[in-house]
Protein backbone atom coordinates (compact mmCIF):
# COMPACT_ATOMS: atom_id res chain seq x y z
CA UNK A 1 34.49 30.28 22.20
CA UNK A 2 33.34 26.91 20.88
CA UNK A 3 36.34 26.26 18.66
CA UNK A 4 37.31 22.69 17.95
CA UNK A 5 40.88 21.67 18.67
CA UNK A 6 42.75 20.68 15.51
CA UNK A 7 44.51 17.61 16.94
CA UNK A 8 46.28 16.77 13.68
CA UNK A 9 47.93 20.16 13.68
CA UNK A 10 48.71 20.09 17.40
CA UNK A 11 50.26 16.61 17.35
CA UNK A 12 52.51 17.53 14.42
CA UNK A 13 53.60 20.85 15.93
CA UNK A 14 57.30 21.01 16.82
CA UNK A 15 56.58 23.91 19.18
CA UNK A 16 54.10 21.82 21.19
CA UNK A 17 56.57 18.92 21.53
CA UNK A 18 59.38 21.31 22.50
CA UNK A 19 57.10 22.78 25.19
CA UNK A 20 56.29 19.27 26.48
CA UNK A 21 60.01 18.46 26.63
CA UNK A 22 60.76 21.68 28.49
CA UNK A 23 58.01 20.96 31.00
CA UNK A 24 59.23 17.38 31.51
CA UNK A 25 62.85 18.49 32.00
CA UNK A 26 61.84 21.17 34.49
CA UNK A 27 59.69 18.72 36.47
CA UNK A 28 62.48 16.11 36.52
CA UNK A 29 65.03 18.64 37.77
CA UNK A 30 62.55 20.13 40.29
CA UNK A 31 61.93 16.71 41.82
CA UNK A 32 65.62 15.90 42.11
CA UNK A 33 66.22 13.99 38.89
CA UNK A 34 69.58 14.02 37.21
CA UNK A 35 70.53 15.67 33.93
CA UNK A 36 70.98 12.20 32.44
CA UNK A 37 67.39 11.22 33.28
CA UNK A 38 66.11 14.52 31.85
CA UNK A 39 68.05 13.89 28.63
CA UNK A 40 66.68 10.37 28.31
CA UNK A 41 63.10 11.52 28.88
CA UNK A 42 63.53 14.30 26.31
CA UNK A 43 64.84 11.80 23.76
CA UNK A 44 61.87 9.50 24.38
CA UNK A 45 59.37 12.36 24.00
CA UNK A 46 60.95 13.65 20.79
CA UNK A 47 61.22 10.14 19.34
CA UNK A 48 57.54 9.56 20.05
CA UNK A 49 56.65 12.95 18.55
CA UNK A 50 58.54 12.07 15.36
CA UNK A 51 56.65 8.80 14.97
CA UNK A 52 53.28 10.47 15.63
CA UNK A 53 53.98 13.26 13.14
CA UNK A 54 55.11 10.75 10.50
CA UNK A 55 52.02 8.57 10.92
CA UNK A 56 49.64 11.54 10.73
CA UNK A 57 51.49 13.05 7.78
CA UNK A 58 51.48 9.81 5.80
CA UNK A 59 47.81 9.29 6.59
CA UNK A 60 46.95 12.73 5.26
CA UNK A 61 48.97 12.13 2.08
CA UNK A 62 47.32 8.73 1.55
CA UNK A 63 43.85 10.18 2.14
CA UNK A 64 44.46 13.00 -0.32
CA UNK A 65 45.72 10.57 -2.96
CA UNK A 66 42.81 8.18 -2.51
CA UNK A 67 40.29 11.01 -2.59
CA UNK A 68 41.51 12.07 -6.04
CA UNK A 69 40.80 8.63 -7.54
CA UNK A 70 37.28 8.05 -6.22
CA UNK A 71 33.98 9.67 -7.09
CA UNK A 72 30.61 9.19 -5.42
CA UNK A 73 27.49 9.37 -7.57
CA UNK A 74 24.00 8.30 -6.54
CA UNK A 75 25.39 6.52 -3.48
CA UNK A 76 27.91 4.45 -5.47
CA UNK A 77 31.65 4.78 -5.11
CA UNK A 78 33.60 4.45 -8.33
CA UNK A 79 37.35 4.06 -8.57
CA UNK A 80 39.06 5.96 -11.35
CA UNK A 81 42.70 4.94 -11.85
CA UNK A 82 45.06 7.85 -12.33
CA UNK A 83 45.87 8.71 -15.91
CA UNK A 84 49.27 7.54 -17.06
CA UNK A 85 51.53 10.16 -18.52
CA UNK A 86 52.89 9.33 -21.99
CA UNK A 87 56.53 8.38 -22.00
CA UNK A 88 58.90 10.77 -23.72
CA UNK A 89 61.11 9.31 -26.42
CA UNK A 90 64.72 8.88 -25.41
CA UNK A 91 67.56 10.72 -27.07
CA UNK A 92 66.21 14.29 -26.91
């Protein structure tokens, strides 16, 4: 059981963040916190999760786009600009 943890997938998982929120709310209530405090903590956790998921998602998209435009041959990296699509004439 030497499986690597896929942190990108875990950090972008809504189920994981919902579980973290549920745990935080239960701990707050168990230790005498108010519903208002639990709501604020949940909002902070979900806001943070949204930012993390966005950053990871954009990074993956950027990496995939950059990978398509570069080739490596004999140790040299060469940039190949994407091909431009011909414009269609107007009025069709």
